[in-house]
Amino acid sequence: MDHIAIALTDDAALRVYAAITTDTVKEAQILHKSYPVATAALGRTLTAGAIMGAMLKGDKGSITIQIKGDGPLGTIIVVSDSKSNVRGYVSNPDISMPPRADGKLDVGGGVGKNGFVNIVRDLGMGKPYAGHIELVSGEIAEDLTKYFAVSEQIPTAMALGVLVDTDGSVAASGGFIVQLMPGFGYGDDEIITRLEETIKTLPSVTKMIADGADGEGIINALLEGTPYNVLEKRGVRYKCGCSYKRVERALISIGEKDLLSLIEDGIDAVIDCNFCDKKYVFSVEHLKALLRKCRKS
C-alpha cells in the first residue's frame, strides 16, 4: 500500500519523509496512457507533491506544483491536499524519447533545462503563498531541492524515482525528502556532509523499493544508525476531485459571452478533466440553463 513515513531524529536536527507511490503512479500512467519518460516525470512530481502535502498544517490546505520547461513534455501540474491525495497531468504524455547514454530515461531532456518551477501553497486561510524558481536540470528532484533552498531557506536533500518496466508499466515509484529543522542551518556542515555521504552509498530509491523496502526501511537506510522516532505513517492515493457540479460552476464562471458561443455552436459541449480524463457532456439545453444562472449571478 502506498504511504509516507515521517521521522524525526532524536536530536531534532533532521526530519525525514519517505514515500512509496508505486500504485499511485501506476494509476496515473493508466489514466493518461503515458509513455515512459512522461510517466517518470509525472511520477516524480506526484511523489514530491504527496510529500509536500504531508508538510502542510491543517486539513484544508493544498499545494500545487507547476513545472514548465522547454522540453517536449510541456507543462507538468500536480496538486496534493494535506492528506496526500494527489492528482496530476503532463501536457504531452505520448512523447517517445531515446534513453540517455547511461541507458536511463531522459527525464531532464523531456522536461527541458530552461523554464521554471512554480509552487503555490494554499492553507485555506487567506492569500496563498507562491514561490518561483528557474529550472536547474529538469530532473525534478534537483529543481525542487533548489526551490526549498531559495524560496524557503531550508537545506534539503531529495531523491525521486520511477522504475518503468519494458512494457511501459510502473514497477516501482517513490522518494524521500530530508530537511534540517529550525535551529540548524547551512553552517551545520557535519550533519549535511554525513547525510550526503550516506546517500551516495545507497542504492537508488527505486532499487530499494523494488527490493521490498517500505518508507521506514528507506528512513533507516538514510539515517544509518542515527536514533530517530517515526512520527506518522499515512496513506497516499491518486484522487481527482472533479464532479458534474464543479464543471457546471466552471462553465458559469467563463461568463455570458463564452456560454452564448457554446450554445450557438448547436452541439453538445464536451469538457475533459485533465487530471482523470473523465468527460462531462452538456447538452445545448443544459448550457442554456447555465446561461440563465450566469445572468442571475
Protein backbone atom coordinates (compact mmCIF):
# COMPACT_ATOMS: atom_id res chain seq x y z
CA MET A 1 0.00 0.00 0.00
CA ASP A 2 1.29 3.45 -0.90
CA HIS A 3 2.32 5.51 2.10
CA ILE A 4 4.60 8.16 3.55
CA ALA A 5 6.62 7.55 6.71
CA ILE A 6 7.69 10.67 8.61
CA ALA A 7 10.51 10.58 11.16
CA LEU A 8 12.48 12.97 13.35
CA THR A 9 15.97 12.30 14.64
CA ASP A 10 16.35 12.23 18.42
CA ASP A 11 18.48 15.37 18.34
CA ALA A 12 15.69 17.13 16.39
CA ALA A 13 18.14 18.03 13.63
CA LEU A 14 16.55 16.19 10.71
CA ARG A 15 13.03 15.49 9.58
CA VAL A 16 12.70 12.72 7.01
CA TYR A 17 9.82 11.93 4.67
CA ALA A 18 9.99 8.65 2.75
CA ALA A 19 7.25 7.77 0.26
CA ILE A 20 6.18 4.65 -1.59
CA THR A 21 3.99 5.72 -4.52
CA THR A 22 4.05 2.74 -6.90
CA ASP A 23 0.28 2.20 -7.06
CA THR A 24 -0.43 5.93 -7.30
CA VAL A 25 1.89 6.38 -10.27
CA LYS A 26 0.57 3.18 -11.86
CA GLU A 27 -2.92 4.68 -11.77
CA ALA A 28 -1.67 7.95 -13.27
CA GLN A 29 0.08 6.06 -16.08
CA ILE A 30 -3.06 4.09 -16.90
CA LEU A 31 -5.31 7.18 -16.77
CA HIS A 32 -3.08 9.27 -19.03
CA LYS A 33 -1.75 6.40 -21.18
CA SER A 34 1.65 8.00 -20.73
CA TYR A 35 4.87 6.89 -22.38
CA PRO A 36 7.89 6.07 -20.17
CA VAL A 37 9.57 9.49 -19.97
CA ALA A 38 6.26 11.22 -19.25
CA THR A 39 5.42 8.54 -16.66
CA ALA A 40 8.75 9.10 -14.91
CA ALA A 41 8.47 12.89 -14.95
CA LEU A 42 4.87 12.95 -13.75
CA GLY A 43 5.52 10.17 -11.23
CA ARG A 44 8.44 12.00 -9.65
CA THR A 45 6.33 15.13 -9.35
CA LEU A 46 3.39 13.19 -7.88
CA THR A 47 5.71 11.76 -5.23
CA ALA A 48 7.07 15.21 -4.40
CA GLY A 49 3.54 16.57 -4.26
CA ALA A 50 2.38 13.85 -1.86
CA ILE A 51 5.31 14.55 0.47
CA MET A 52 4.87 18.32 0.29
CA GLY A 53 1.18 17.82 1.01
CA ALA A 54 2.20 15.96 4.16
CA MET A 55 4.17 19.04 5.22
CA LEU A 56 1.04 21.20 5.26
CA LYS A 57 -0.60 22.08 8.54
CA GLY A 58 -4.36 21.75 8.98
CA ASP A 59 -6.94 19.86 6.96
CA LYS A 60 -7.87 22.44 4.33
CA GLY A 61 -4.51 23.08 2.72
CA SER A 62 -3.31 22.19 -0.75
CA ILE A 63 -0.12 22.51 -2.71
CA THR A 64 0.24 22.91 -6.46
CA ILE A 65 3.47 22.17 -8.32
CA GLN A 66 3.82 23.51 -11.85
CA ILE A 67 6.91 22.60 -13.85
CA LYS A 68 7.16 24.27 -17.22
CA GLY A 69 10.28 23.61 -19.26
CA ASP A 70 11.24 23.94 -22.90
CA GLY A 71 11.28 20.17 -23.48
CA PRO A 72 8.72 18.18 -25.49
CA LEU A 73 6.70 17.09 -22.43
CA GLY A 74 5.36 20.61 -21.95
CA THR A 75 3.89 21.52 -18.57
CA ILE A 76 3.54 19.21 -15.57
CA ILE A 77 0.87 20.05 -12.98
CA VAL A 78 0.45 18.19 -9.68
CA VAL A 79 -1.95 19.06 -6.86
CA SER A 80 -1.95 17.49 -3.40
CA ASP A 81 -4.12 18.12 -0.38
CA SER A 82 -2.88 17.93 3.20
CA LYS A 83 -3.84 14.24 3.35
CA SER A 84 -1.54 13.40 0.41
CA ASN A 85 -4.37 12.78 -2.04
CA VAL A 86 -2.67 13.68 -5.30
CA ARG A 87 -3.60 14.24 -8.90
CA GLY A 88 -1.65 15.47 -11.88
CA TYR A 89 -1.07 15.54 -15.60
CA VAL A 90 1.57 16.27 -18.20
CA SER A 91 0.71 18.24 -21.34
CA ASN A 92 2.19 15.76 -23.79
CA PRO A 93 2.09 12.25 -22.27
CA ASP A 94 2.69 10.40 -25.54
CA ILE A 95 6.19 11.67 -26.28
CA SER A 96 8.67 8.95 -27.23
CA MET A 97 12.32 9.70 -26.45
CA PRO A 98 15.55 7.69 -26.69
CA PRO A 99 17.32 6.83 -23.43
CA ARG A 100 20.32 8.73 -22.14
CA ALA A 101 23.83 7.48 -22.81
CA ASP A 102 23.73 5.58 -19.49
CA GLY A 103 20.53 3.80 -20.52
CA LYS A 104 18.26 5.71 -18.13
CA LEU A 105 15.10 7.58 -19.07
CA ASP A 106 15.87 11.11 -20.23
CA VAL A 107 13.56 12.99 -17.89
CA GLY A 108 15.71 16.12 -17.99
CA GLY A 109 15.56 16.13 -21.78
CA GLY A 110 11.81 15.61 -21.71
CA VAL A 111 11.19 18.44 -19.24
CA GLY A 112 13.90 20.73 -20.58
CA LYS A 113 16.58 22.71 -18.78
CA ASN A 114 15.13 26.16 -19.43
CA GLY A 115 11.92 27.12 -17.72
CA PHE A 116 10.55 27.43 -14.23
CA VAL A 117 9.08 25.72 -11.20
CA ASN A 118 6.11 27.43 -9.59
CA ILE A 119 4.82 26.27 -6.20
CA VAL A 120 1.55 27.53 -4.73
CA ARG A 121 0.79 26.65 -1.12
CA ASP A 122 -2.79 27.36 -0.08
CA LEU A 123 -3.51 26.87 3.62
CA GLY A 124 -7.18 27.72 3.15
CA MET A 125 -6.83 30.77 5.36
CA GLY A 126 -6.40 33.69 3.00
CA LYS A 127 -3.96 34.54 0.27
CA PRO A 128 -1.91 31.55 -0.96
CA TYR A 129 1.89 31.65 -0.82
CA ALA A 130 3.66 31.36 -4.18
CA GLY A 131 7.32 30.55 -4.83
CA HIS A 132 9.08 30.63 -8.18
CA ILE A 133 12.49 29.45 -9.36
CA GLU A 134 14.18 28.70 -12.66
CA LEU A 135 14.80 25.08 -13.60
CA VAL A 136 18.17 23.57 -12.74
CA SER A 137 18.20 20.33 -14.73
CA GLY A 138 14.63 19.25 -15.43
CA GLU A 139 15.24 16.09 -13.40
CA ILE A 140 12.61 17.26 -10.85
CA ALA A 141 14.43 16.40 -7.59
CA GLU A 142 17.31 18.83 -8.26
CA ASP A 143 14.84 21.52 -9.24
CA LEU A 144 12.71 21.11 -6.12
CA THR A 145 15.81 20.97 -3.92
CA LYS A 146 16.73 24.40 -5.28
CA TYR A 147 13.18 25.59 -4.60
CA PHE A 148 13.47 24.67 -0.92
CA ALA A 149 16.90 26.32 -0.67
CA VAL A 150 15.96 29.55 -2.45
CA SER A 151 12.28 30.10 -1.70
CA GLU A 152 12.00 28.57 1.76
CA GLN A 153 15.61 28.76 3.00
CA ILE A 154 15.51 25.11 4.10
CA PRO A 155 18.57 22.91 3.50
CA THR A 156 17.13 19.84 1.79
CA ALA A 157 18.28 16.53 0.34
CA MET A 158 15.88 14.80 -2.02
CA ALA A 159 15.60 11.78 -4.30
CA LEU A 160 12.65 10.89 -6.52
CA GLY A 161 12.39 7.92 -8.83
CA VAL A 162 10.10 5.88 -11.06
CA LEU A 163 11.14 2.50 -12.42
CA VAL A 164 9.29 1.87 -15.69
CA ASP A 165 9.18 -1.72 -16.98
CA THR A 166 9.87 -2.69 -20.58
CA ASP A 167 6.12 -2.81 -21.31
CA GLY A 168 5.67 0.77 -20.09
CA SER A 169 4.08 -0.18 -16.76
CA VAL A 170 5.30 1.14 -13.42
CA ALA A 171 7.44 -1.34 -11.46
CA ALA A 172 8.38 0.92 -8.54
CA SER A 173 8.00 4.55 -7.54
CA GLY A 174 8.83 6.66 -4.54
CA GLY A 175 11.25 9.09 -3.00
CA PHE A 176 12.45 10.88 0.08
CA ILE A 177 12.95 14.40 1.36
CA VAL A 178 15.32 15.13 4.27
CA GLN A 179 15.35 18.60 5.80
CA LEU A 180 17.26 20.39 8.53
CA MET A 181 14.94 21.56 11.26
CA PRO A 182 14.70 25.16 12.54
CA GLY A 183 17.65 25.94 14.80
CA PHE A 184 20.01 24.13 12.46
CA GLY A 185 21.25 25.67 9.24
CA TYR A 186 23.77 25.70 6.45
CA GLY A 187 26.56 26.11 8.97
CA ASP A 188 25.93 22.65 10.39
CA ASP A 189 28.38 21.10 7.96
CA GLU A 190 28.82 17.83 9.84
CA ILE A 191 25.12 16.94 9.67
CA ILE A 192 24.85 17.80 5.99
CA THR A 193 28.12 16.14 5.00
CA ARG A 194 27.26 12.93 6.83
CA LEU A 195 23.86 12.77 5.17
CA GLU A 196 25.22 13.47 1.70
CA GLU A 197 27.91 10.82 2.09
CA THR A 198 25.35 8.27 3.24
CA ILE A 199 23.07 9.00 0.28
CA LYS A 200 25.98 8.45 -2.13
CA THR A 201 26.46 4.92 -0.81
CA LEU A 202 22.80 3.89 -1.07
CA PRO A 203 21.12 2.14 -3.99
CA SER A 204 18.65 4.23 -5.96
CA VAL A 205 15.32 4.81 -4.24
CA THR A 206 13.53 2.69 -6.86
CA LYS A 207 16.02 -0.15 -6.32
CA MET A 208 15.29 -0.08 -2.59
CA ILE A 209 11.53 -0.11 -3.23
CA ALA A 210 11.77 -2.86 -5.84
CA ASP A 211 13.75 -4.90 -3.31
CA GLY A 212 10.91 -4.56 -0.81
CA ALA A 213 11.78 -1.52 1.31
CA ASP A 214 8.89 0.40 2.83
CA GLY A 215 9.01 4.01 3.96
CA GLU A 216 10.57 3.21 7.31
CA GLY A 217 13.13 0.96 5.62
CA ILE A 218 14.24 3.89 3.47
CA ILE A 219 14.45 6.14 6.53
CA ASN A 220 16.54 3.55 8.35
CA ALA A 221 18.96 3.36 5.42
CA LEU A 222 19.22 7.15 5.20
CA LEU A 223 19.87 7.73 8.89
CA GLU A 224 22.26 4.76 9.22
CA GLY A 225 22.22 4.21 12.95
CA THR A 226 21.19 7.73 13.94
CA PRO A 227 18.45 7.41 16.58
CA TYR A 228 15.05 8.55 15.36
CA ASN A 229 11.34 8.23 16.00
CA VAL A 230 8.66 7.61 13.40
CA LEU A 231 6.11 10.38 13.92
CA GLU A 232 3.50 9.29 11.43
CA LYS A 233 2.69 6.86 8.65
CA ARG A 234 -0.02 7.99 6.26
CA GLY A 235 -1.58 6.73 3.06
CA VAL A 236 -1.06 8.16 -0.42
CA ARG A 237 -3.51 7.80 -3.28
CA TYR A 238 -4.41 9.26 -6.64
CA LYS A 239 -7.68 11.14 -6.21
CA CYS A 240 -9.34 13.57 -8.58
CA GLY A 241 -11.94 15.87 -7.10
CA CYS A 242 -13.78 16.68 -10.32
CA SER A 243 -17.58 16.39 -10.48
CA TYR A 244 -20.50 17.50 -12.61
CA LYS A 245 -21.26 20.30 -10.17
CA ARG A 246 -17.69 21.60 -10.28
CA VAL A 247 -17.68 21.62 -14.07
CA GLU A 248 -21.04 23.42 -14.04
CA ARG A 249 -19.57 26.10 -11.77
CA ALA A 250 -16.56 26.41 -14.07
CA LEU A 251 -18.80 26.88 -17.10
CA ILE A 252 -20.85 29.55 -15.32
CA SER A 253 -17.60 31.32 -14.37
CA ILE A 254 -16.49 31.69 -18.02
CA GLY A 255 -19.18 34.31 -18.46
CA GLU A 256 -22.19 35.04 -20.63
CA LYS A 257 -20.29 35.70 -23.86
CA ASP A 258 -18.45 32.37 -23.92
CA LEU A 259 -21.53 30.42 -22.84
CA LEU A 260 -23.50 32.00 -25.69
CA SER A 261 -20.75 30.97 -28.09
CA LEU A 262 -21.04 27.34 -26.93
CA ILE A 263 -24.83 27.46 -27.30
CA GLU A 264 -24.60 28.94 -30.79
CA ASP A 265 -22.41 26.03 -31.87
CA GLY A 266 -25.60 23.97 -31.60
CA ILE A 267 -23.90 20.79 -30.38
CA ASP A 268 -23.15 19.16 -27.05
CA ALA A 269 -20.22 20.69 -25.19
CA VAL A 270 -17.71 18.07 -24.03
CA ILE A 271 -15.42 19.05 -21.17
CA ASP A 272 -12.42 16.83 -20.38
CA CYS A 273 -10.85 16.69 -16.93
CA ASN A 274 -7.08 16.98 -17.34
CA PHE A 275 -6.44 15.07 -14.12
CA CYS A 276 -8.51 11.93 -14.70
CA ASP A 277 -9.56 12.16 -18.38
CA LYS A 278 -13.23 11.92 -17.43
CA LYS A 279 -15.56 13.53 -19.97
CA TYR A 280 -18.51 15.72 -19.00
CA VAL A 281 -21.18 16.24 -21.67
CA PHE A 282 -23.51 19.25 -21.58
CA SER A 283 -26.45 19.46 -23.97
CA VAL A 284 -27.47 22.76 -25.53
CA GLU A 285 -30.49 22.87 -23.19
CA HIS A 286 -28.21 22.34 -20.19
CA LEU A 287 -25.95 25.14 -21.40
CA LYS A 288 -28.99 27.43 -21.72
CA ALA A 289 -29.91 26.65 -18.11
CA LEU A 290 -26.36 27.53 -17.03
CA LEU A 291 -26.59 30.76 -19.01
CA ARG A 292 -29.71 31.71 -17.05
CA LYS A 293 -27.83 31.05 -13.80
CA CYS A 294 -24.92 33.12 -15.09
CA ARG A 295 -27.21 36.08 -15.81
CA LYS A 296 -28.70 35.89 -12.32
CA SER A 297 -25.34 35.85 -10.57
